[in-house]
Amino acid sequence: VWDQSFPNYFEYVNTDWTIPSVTHYTHYIYVIGGVDEEGNVLDTAFVFNPEASTVSQVASLNIARQNHACAVLQGKVYCFGGDDGSTPLSSIEVYDPAANMWTLLGVTLERGLTGLVAVPVRYQDRDYILLLGG
């Protein structure tokens, strides 16, 4: 349930941003990419730990992106598509929290997609990320 009195742990980030992608893994919440108040598309990523009441910046994306989709699969955060402020992206990046590193995958989406969502699903004993929209 949304609670207006919940503390704003992102105040220290010192910027307002929109259109990031947000996903969670275990008890961490990841806020990835987006665009700042000056219109700059961001490559930054942050992790919020509500149990410790902390926000930390983690490794930057390889490609700044907004309007993208992220989901967790097998302990890694995957980011799909989005745009760089002018061009739809077909690239896919994966973040390894243990290594604090983003890697561009060798495979891409069939075309650049923006405004999509990513949903982790389990089907016939296998894990997938389902992409919708774009």
N, C-alpha and C. Protein backbone atom coordinates (compact mmCIF):
# COMPACT_ATOMS: atom_id res chain seq x y z
N VAL A 1 0.84 -1.17 0.00
CA VAL A 1 0.00 0.00 0.00
C VAL A 1 0.89 1.24 0.00
N TRP A 2 0.58 2.19 -0.86
CA TRP A 2 1.34 3.44 -0.92
C TRP A 2 1.11 4.24 0.34
N ASP A 3 2.18 4.80 0.87
CA ASP A 3 2.10 5.58 2.09
C ASP A 3 2.89 6.86 1.89
N GLN A 4 2.21 8.00 1.87
CA GLN A 4 2.84 9.29 1.63
C GLN A 4 3.90 9.61 2.68
N SER A 5 3.79 9.05 3.86
CA SER A 5 4.74 9.35 4.92
C SER A 5 6.02 8.52 4.83
N PHE A 6 6.09 7.58 3.85
CA PHE A 6 7.29 6.76 3.70
C PHE A 6 8.47 7.66 3.36
N PRO A 7 9.61 7.51 4.03
CA PRO A 7 10.75 8.41 3.79
C PRO A 7 11.24 8.36 2.34
N ASN A 8 11.74 9.49 1.85
CA ASN A 8 12.29 9.57 0.50
C ASN A 8 13.79 9.29 0.56
N TYR A 9 14.16 8.06 0.36
CA TYR A 9 15.56 7.67 0.44
C TYR A 9 16.36 8.09 -0.79
N PHE A 10 15.67 8.56 -1.83
CA PHE A 10 16.37 8.96 -3.04
C PHE A 10 16.73 10.44 -3.04
N GLU A 11 16.46 11.16 -1.96
CA GLU A 11 16.77 12.59 -1.90
C GLU A 11 18.25 12.86 -2.13
N TYR A 12 19.12 12.00 -1.63
CA TYR A 12 20.56 12.24 -1.76
C TYR A 12 21.03 12.14 -3.21
N VAL A 13 20.26 11.48 -4.06
CA VAL A 13 20.65 11.34 -5.46
C VAL A 13 20.78 12.71 -6.11
N ASN A 14 20.07 13.69 -5.59
CA ASN A 14 20.21 15.08 -6.00
C ASN A 14 19.78 15.33 -7.43
N THR A 15 18.83 14.58 -7.92
CA THR A 15 18.28 14.82 -9.24
C THR A 15 16.86 14.27 -9.27
N ASP A 16 16.04 14.86 -10.09
CA ASP A 16 14.72 14.31 -10.36
C ASP A 16 14.80 13.60 -11.69
N TRP A 17 14.21 12.43 -11.76
CA TRP A 17 14.23 11.76 -13.04
C TRP A 17 12.90 11.09 -13.29
N THR A 18 12.65 10.82 -14.57
CA THR A 18 11.43 10.16 -14.99
C THR A 18 11.79 9.02 -15.93
N ILE A 19 10.83 8.20 -16.18
CA ILE A 19 10.91 7.08 -17.12
C ILE A 19 12.07 6.13 -16.87
N PRO A 20 12.41 5.86 -15.60
CA PRO A 20 13.37 4.78 -15.37
C PRO A 20 12.63 3.44 -15.46
N SER A 21 13.35 2.39 -15.36
CA SER A 21 12.73 1.08 -15.17
C SER A 21 13.03 0.64 -13.75
N VAL A 22 12.08 0.00 -13.12
CA VAL A 22 12.23 -0.42 -11.73
C VAL A 22 11.91 -1.91 -11.64
N THR A 23 12.76 -2.63 -10.93
CA THR A 23 12.50 -4.05 -10.68
C THR A 23 13.03 -4.39 -9.30
N HIS A 24 12.71 -5.56 -8.82
CA HIS A 24 13.20 -5.95 -7.49
C HIS A 24 13.79 -7.35 -7.54
N TYR A 25 14.72 -7.59 -6.65
CA TYR A 25 15.33 -8.91 -6.49
C TYR A 25 15.60 -9.11 -5.01
N THR A 26 15.15 -10.20 -4.47
CA THR A 26 15.14 -10.48 -3.03
C THR A 26 14.53 -9.26 -2.33
N HIS A 27 15.26 -8.59 -1.46
CA HIS A 27 14.69 -7.42 -0.79
C HIS A 27 15.25 -6.11 -1.34
N TYR A 28 15.88 -6.14 -2.51
CA TYR A 28 16.44 -4.94 -3.13
C TYR A 28 15.53 -4.44 -4.24
N ILE A 29 15.47 -3.12 -4.39
CA ILE A 29 14.73 -2.49 -5.48
C ILE A 29 15.73 -1.74 -6.35
N TYR A 30 15.73 -2.04 -7.64
CA TYR A 30 16.65 -1.41 -8.59
C TYR A 30 15.91 -0.35 -9.40
N VAL A 31 16.50 0.83 -9.51
CA VAL A 31 15.98 1.93 -10.32
C VAL A 31 17.04 2.21 -11.38
N ILE A 32 16.68 2.03 -12.65
CA ILE A 32 17.68 1.95 -13.71
C ILE A 32 17.34 2.90 -14.85
N GLY A 33 18.33 3.71 -15.25
CA GLY A 33 18.18 4.59 -16.40
C GLY A 33 17.13 5.66 -16.17
N GLY A 34 16.54 6.15 -17.28
CA GLY A 34 15.54 7.20 -17.22
C GLY A 34 16.07 8.47 -17.85
N VAL A 35 15.44 9.57 -17.52
CA VAL A 35 15.84 10.88 -18.05
C VAL A 35 15.77 11.88 -16.91
N ASP A 36 16.76 12.79 -16.85
CA ASP A 36 16.78 13.77 -15.76
C ASP A 36 15.97 15.01 -16.13
N GLU A 37 15.91 15.97 -15.20
CA GLU A 37 15.08 17.16 -15.38
C GLU A 37 15.55 18.05 -16.52
N GLU A 38 16.78 17.85 -17.01
CA GLU A 38 17.30 18.63 -18.13
C GLU A 38 17.14 17.90 -19.46
N GLY A 39 16.55 16.72 -19.45
CA GLY A 39 16.32 15.96 -20.67
C GLY A 39 17.45 15.02 -21.05
N ASN A 40 18.42 14.85 -20.16
CA ASN A 40 19.53 13.93 -20.44
C ASN A 40 19.11 12.50 -20.13
N VAL A 41 19.29 11.62 -21.09
CA VAL A 41 19.00 10.21 -20.86
C VAL A 41 20.12 9.63 -20.01
N LEU A 42 19.76 8.82 -19.02
CA LEU A 42 20.70 8.38 -17.99
C LEU A 42 21.17 6.94 -18.18
N ASP A 43 22.43 6.73 -17.79
CA ASP A 43 22.98 5.37 -17.75
C ASP A 43 23.15 4.89 -16.31
N THR A 44 22.64 5.65 -15.37
CA THR A 44 22.85 5.35 -13.96
C THR A 44 21.88 4.28 -13.45
N ALA A 45 22.31 3.61 -12.39
CA ALA A 45 21.48 2.60 -11.74
C ALA A 45 21.69 2.70 -10.24
N PHE A 46 20.61 2.54 -9.51
CA PHE A 46 20.64 2.62 -8.05
C PHE A 46 19.96 1.39 -7.46
N VAL A 47 20.39 1.01 -6.27
CA VAL A 47 19.74 -0.07 -5.56
C VAL A 47 19.30 0.46 -4.20
N PHE A 48 18.04 0.20 -3.88
CA PHE A 48 17.44 0.62 -2.62
C PHE A 48 17.27 -0.62 -1.75
N ASN A 49 17.77 -0.54 -0.54
CA ASN A 49 17.62 -1.61 0.43
C ASN A 49 16.68 -1.11 1.52
N PRO A 50 15.39 -1.44 1.46
CA PRO A 50 14.45 -0.92 2.45
C PRO A 50 14.72 -1.43 3.86
N GLU A 51 15.31 -2.60 4.01
CA GLU A 51 15.60 -3.12 5.34
C GLU A 51 16.68 -2.29 6.04
N ALA A 52 17.66 -1.80 5.26
CA ALA A 52 18.74 -1.00 5.84
C ALA A 52 18.50 0.49 5.64
N SER A 53 17.43 0.85 4.92
CA SER A 53 17.11 2.25 4.62
C SER A 53 18.26 2.94 3.91
N THR A 54 18.82 2.27 2.89
CA THR A 54 19.94 2.84 2.14
C THR A 54 19.67 2.81 0.64
N VAL A 55 20.28 3.77 -0.06
CA VAL A 55 20.29 3.80 -1.51
C VAL A 55 21.74 3.90 -1.93
N SER A 56 22.15 3.05 -2.87
CA SER A 56 23.52 3.07 -3.35
C SER A 56 23.52 3.09 -4.87
N GLN A 57 24.46 3.84 -5.44
CA GLN A 57 24.64 3.79 -6.88
C GLN A 57 25.46 2.56 -7.21
N VAL A 58 25.04 1.83 -8.24
CA VAL A 58 25.77 0.65 -8.70
C VAL A 58 26.36 0.97 -10.07
N ALA A 59 26.96 0.00 -10.71
CA ALA A 59 27.60 0.21 -12.01
C ALA A 59 26.62 0.82 -13.01
N SER A 60 27.16 1.63 -13.92
CA SER A 60 26.34 2.28 -14.94
C SER A 60 26.08 1.34 -16.11
N LEU A 61 24.93 1.53 -16.73
CA LEU A 61 24.61 0.81 -17.96
C LEU A 61 25.67 1.10 -19.02
N ASN A 62 25.80 0.24 -19.99
CA ASN A 62 26.68 0.49 -21.13
C ASN A 62 26.08 1.53 -22.07
N ILE A 63 24.74 1.55 -22.14
CA ILE A 63 24.02 2.47 -23.02
C ILE A 63 22.97 3.19 -22.20
N ALA A 64 23.00 4.52 -22.20
CA ALA A 64 21.97 5.30 -21.51
C ALA A 64 20.63 4.98 -22.16
N ARG A 65 19.60 4.81 -21.33
CA ARG A 65 18.29 4.45 -21.89
C ARG A 65 17.14 4.92 -21.00
N GLN A 66 16.02 5.17 -21.64
CA GLN A 66 14.76 5.50 -20.98
C GLN A 66 13.67 4.69 -21.67
N ASN A 67 12.49 4.62 -21.08
CA ASN A 67 11.37 3.86 -21.67
C ASN A 67 11.70 2.40 -21.92
N HIS A 68 12.57 1.84 -21.11
CA HIS A 68 13.00 0.46 -21.27
C HIS A 68 12.29 -0.43 -20.25
N ALA A 69 12.55 -1.72 -20.33
CA ALA A 69 11.94 -2.67 -19.40
C ALA A 69 13.03 -3.50 -18.74
N CYS A 70 12.84 -3.78 -17.46
CA CYS A 70 13.79 -4.61 -16.72
C CYS A 70 13.04 -5.70 -15.95
N ALA A 71 13.70 -6.83 -15.81
CA ALA A 71 13.18 -7.92 -15.00
C ALA A 71 14.35 -8.77 -14.53
N VAL A 72 14.12 -9.51 -13.46
CA VAL A 72 15.15 -10.37 -12.89
C VAL A 72 14.89 -11.81 -13.30
N LEU A 73 15.97 -12.47 -13.72
CA LEU A 73 15.92 -13.88 -14.05
C LEU A 73 17.17 -14.55 -13.51
N GLN A 74 16.99 -15.55 -12.69
CA GLN A 74 18.10 -16.33 -12.12
C GLN A 74 19.18 -15.44 -11.49
N GLY A 75 18.72 -14.45 -10.72
CA GLY A 75 19.63 -13.61 -9.95
C GLY A 75 20.31 -12.50 -10.71
N LYS A 76 19.93 -12.28 -11.97
CA LYS A 76 20.52 -11.20 -12.76
C LYS A 76 19.41 -10.29 -13.27
N VAL A 77 19.74 -9.00 -13.42
CA VAL A 77 18.77 -8.00 -13.87
C VAL A 77 18.97 -7.79 -15.37
N TYR A 78 17.92 -8.00 -16.15
CA TYR A 78 17.97 -7.82 -17.60
C TYR A 78 17.24 -6.54 -17.97
N CYS A 79 17.84 -5.74 -18.86
CA CYS A 79 17.21 -4.52 -19.38
C CYS A 79 17.06 -4.65 -20.88
N PHE A 80 15.87 -4.35 -21.37
CA PHE A 80 15.52 -4.53 -22.77
C PHE A 80 15.12 -3.21 -23.40
N GLY A 81 15.70 -2.92 -24.58
CA GLY A 81 15.24 -1.83 -25.42
C GLY A 81 15.24 -0.47 -24.76
N GLY A 82 14.15 0.27 -24.99
CA GLY A 82 14.06 1.66 -24.57
C GLY A 82 14.53 2.55 -25.70
N ASP A 83 14.92 3.76 -25.36
CA ASP A 83 15.48 4.65 -26.37
C ASP A 83 16.54 5.53 -25.74
N ASP A 84 17.36 6.12 -26.61
CA ASP A 84 18.47 6.97 -26.14
C ASP A 84 18.10 8.45 -26.19
N GLY A 85 16.83 8.74 -26.32
CA GLY A 85 16.35 10.11 -26.42
C GLY A 85 15.88 10.44 -27.82
N SER A 86 16.33 9.65 -28.81
CA SER A 86 15.90 9.89 -30.18
C SER A 86 15.70 8.60 -30.97
N THR A 87 16.42 7.55 -30.63
CA THR A 87 16.39 6.32 -31.40
C THR A 87 15.97 5.14 -30.53
N PRO A 88 14.98 4.36 -30.98
CA PRO A 88 14.63 3.14 -30.25
C PRO A 88 15.81 2.17 -30.21
N LEU A 89 15.99 1.51 -29.07
CA LEU A 89 17.11 0.59 -28.89
C LEU A 89 16.65 -0.86 -28.98
N SER A 90 17.48 -1.69 -29.58
CA SER A 90 17.21 -3.12 -29.63
C SER A 90 18.14 -3.90 -28.71
N SER A 91 19.05 -3.20 -28.06
CA SER A 91 20.06 -3.86 -27.23
C SER A 91 19.47 -4.40 -25.94
N ILE A 92 20.15 -5.40 -25.40
CA ILE A 92 19.79 -6.02 -24.12
C ILE A 92 21.03 -6.02 -23.24
N GLU A 93 20.87 -5.56 -22.00
CA GLU A 93 21.97 -5.58 -21.04
C GLU A 93 21.58 -6.44 -19.85
N VAL A 94 22.58 -7.04 -19.24
CA VAL A 94 22.34 -7.85 -18.04
C VAL A 94 23.28 -7.39 -16.94
N TYR A 95 22.71 -7.21 -15.74
CA TYR A 95 23.47 -6.77 -14.58
C TYR A 95 23.66 -7.94 -13.63
N ASP A 96 24.90 -8.15 -13.24
CA ASP A 96 25.24 -9.17 -12.26
C ASP A 96 25.50 -8.47 -10.93
N PRO A 97 24.59 -8.57 -9.96
CA PRO A 97 24.79 -7.88 -8.68
C PRO A 97 26.05 -8.33 -7.94
N ALA A 98 26.43 -9.59 -8.07
CA ALA A 98 27.62 -10.09 -7.36
C ALA A 98 28.89 -9.45 -7.90
N ALA A 99 28.94 -9.19 -9.21
CA ALA A 99 30.12 -8.58 -9.84
C ALA A 99 29.98 -7.07 -9.98
N ASN A 100 28.77 -6.53 -9.74
CA ASN A 100 28.48 -5.11 -9.96
C ASN A 100 28.90 -4.69 -11.37
N MET A 101 28.39 -5.43 -12.38
CA MET A 101 28.78 -5.17 -13.76
C MET A 101 27.61 -5.41 -14.71
N TRP A 102 27.47 -4.47 -15.67
CA TRP A 102 26.51 -4.62 -16.77
C TRP A 102 27.25 -5.18 -17.97
N THR A 103 26.61 -6.09 -18.69
CA THR A 103 27.17 -6.67 -19.90
C THR A 103 26.15 -6.55 -21.02
N LEU A 104 26.59 -6.07 -22.19
CA LEU A 104 25.73 -6.08 -23.37
C LEU A 104 25.67 -7.50 -23.89
N LEU A 105 24.48 -8.02 -24.10
CA LEU A 105 24.36 -9.37 -24.65
C LEU A 105 24.65 -9.35 -26.14
N GLY A 106 25.09 -10.47 -26.66
CA GLY A 106 25.37 -10.60 -28.09
C GLY A 106 24.12 -10.69 -28.93
N VAL A 107 22.99 -10.96 -28.31
CA VAL A 107 21.71 -11.01 -29.03
C VAL A 107 20.97 -9.70 -28.79
N THR A 108 20.11 -9.34 -29.72
CA THR A 108 19.32 -8.11 -29.59
C THR A 108 17.85 -8.44 -29.87
N LEU A 109 17.00 -7.48 -29.58
CA LEU A 109 15.60 -7.58 -29.97
C LEU A 109 15.52 -7.49 -31.49
N GLU A 110 14.45 -7.98 -32.09
CA GLU A 110 14.31 -7.93 -33.55
C GLU A 110 14.32 -6.50 -34.08
N ARG A 111 13.85 -5.58 -33.26
CA ARG A 111 13.84 -4.15 -33.61
C ARG A 111 13.86 -3.35 -32.32
N GLY A 112 14.13 -2.07 -32.43
CA GLY A 112 14.11 -1.21 -31.26
C GLY A 112 12.71 -1.11 -30.69
N LEU A 113 12.58 -1.25 -29.38
CA LEU A 113 11.29 -1.18 -28.72
C LEU A 113 11.35 -0.21 -27.55
N THR A 114 10.32 0.61 -27.41
CA THR A 114 10.21 1.51 -26.27
C THR A 114 8.84 1.30 -25.62
N GLY A 115 8.74 1.67 -24.36
CA GLY A 115 7.47 1.58 -23.66
C GLY A 115 6.99 0.15 -23.45
N LEU A 116 7.91 -0.78 -23.39
CA LEU A 116 7.54 -2.17 -23.18
C LEU A 116 7.62 -2.52 -21.69
N VAL A 117 7.10 -3.68 -21.34
CA VAL A 117 7.23 -4.19 -19.98
C VAL A 117 7.84 -5.58 -20.05
N ALA A 118 8.55 -5.95 -19.00
CA ALA A 118 9.17 -7.27 -18.91
C ALA A 118 8.63 -7.98 -17.67
N VAL A 119 8.20 -9.21 -17.85
CA VAL A 119 7.60 -9.97 -16.75
C VAL A 119 8.27 -11.34 -16.67
N PRO A 120 8.87 -11.65 -15.52
CA PRO A 120 9.44 -13.00 -15.38
C PRO A 120 8.31 -14.01 -15.21
N VAL A 121 8.40 -15.12 -15.93
CA VAL A 121 7.38 -16.18 -15.85
C VAL A 121 8.07 -17.54 -15.79
N ARG A 122 7.36 -18.48 -15.22
CA ARG A 122 7.83 -19.87 -15.20
C ARG A 122 6.84 -20.68 -16.03
N TYR A 123 7.35 -21.41 -17.02
CA TYR A 123 6.50 -22.19 -17.92
C TYR A 123 7.17 -23.53 -18.17
N GLN A 124 6.46 -24.59 -17.91
CA GLN A 124 6.95 -25.95 -18.10
C GLN A 124 8.34 -26.14 -17.49
N ASP A 125 8.47 -25.75 -16.24
CA ASP A 125 9.70 -25.91 -15.46
C ASP A 125 10.89 -25.12 -15.99
N ARG A 126 10.64 -24.08 -16.76
CA ARG A 126 11.72 -23.21 -17.24
C ARG A 126 11.36 -21.77 -16.94
N ASP A 127 12.39 -20.95 -16.70
CA ASP A 127 12.19 -19.53 -16.41
C ASP A 127 12.40 -18.72 -17.67
N TYR A 128 11.52 -17.75 -17.89
CA TYR A 128 11.57 -16.88 -19.06
C TYR A 128 11.31 -15.44 -18.62
N ILE A 129 11.63 -14.51 -19.51
CA ILE A 129 11.17 -13.13 -19.36
C ILE A 129 10.28 -12.85 -20.56
N LEU A 130 9.04 -12.52 -20.29
CA LEU A 130 8.06 -12.22 -21.31
C LEU A 130 8.05 -10.72 -21.55
N LEU A 131 8.22 -10.29 -22.80
CA LEU A 131 8.17 -8.87 -23.16
C LEU A 131 6.82 -8.57 -23.77
N LEU A 132 6.19 -7.49 -23.30
CA LEU A 132 4.88 -7.07 -23.79
C LEU A 132 4.93 -5.60 -24.19
N GLY A 133 4.22 -5.25 -25.24
CA GLY A 133 4.15 -3.85 -25.67
C GLY A 133 5.33 -3.47 -26.53
N GLY A 134 5.56 -2.16 -26.58
CA GLY A 134 6.68 -1.66 -27.38
C GLY A 134 6.25 -1.32 -28.76
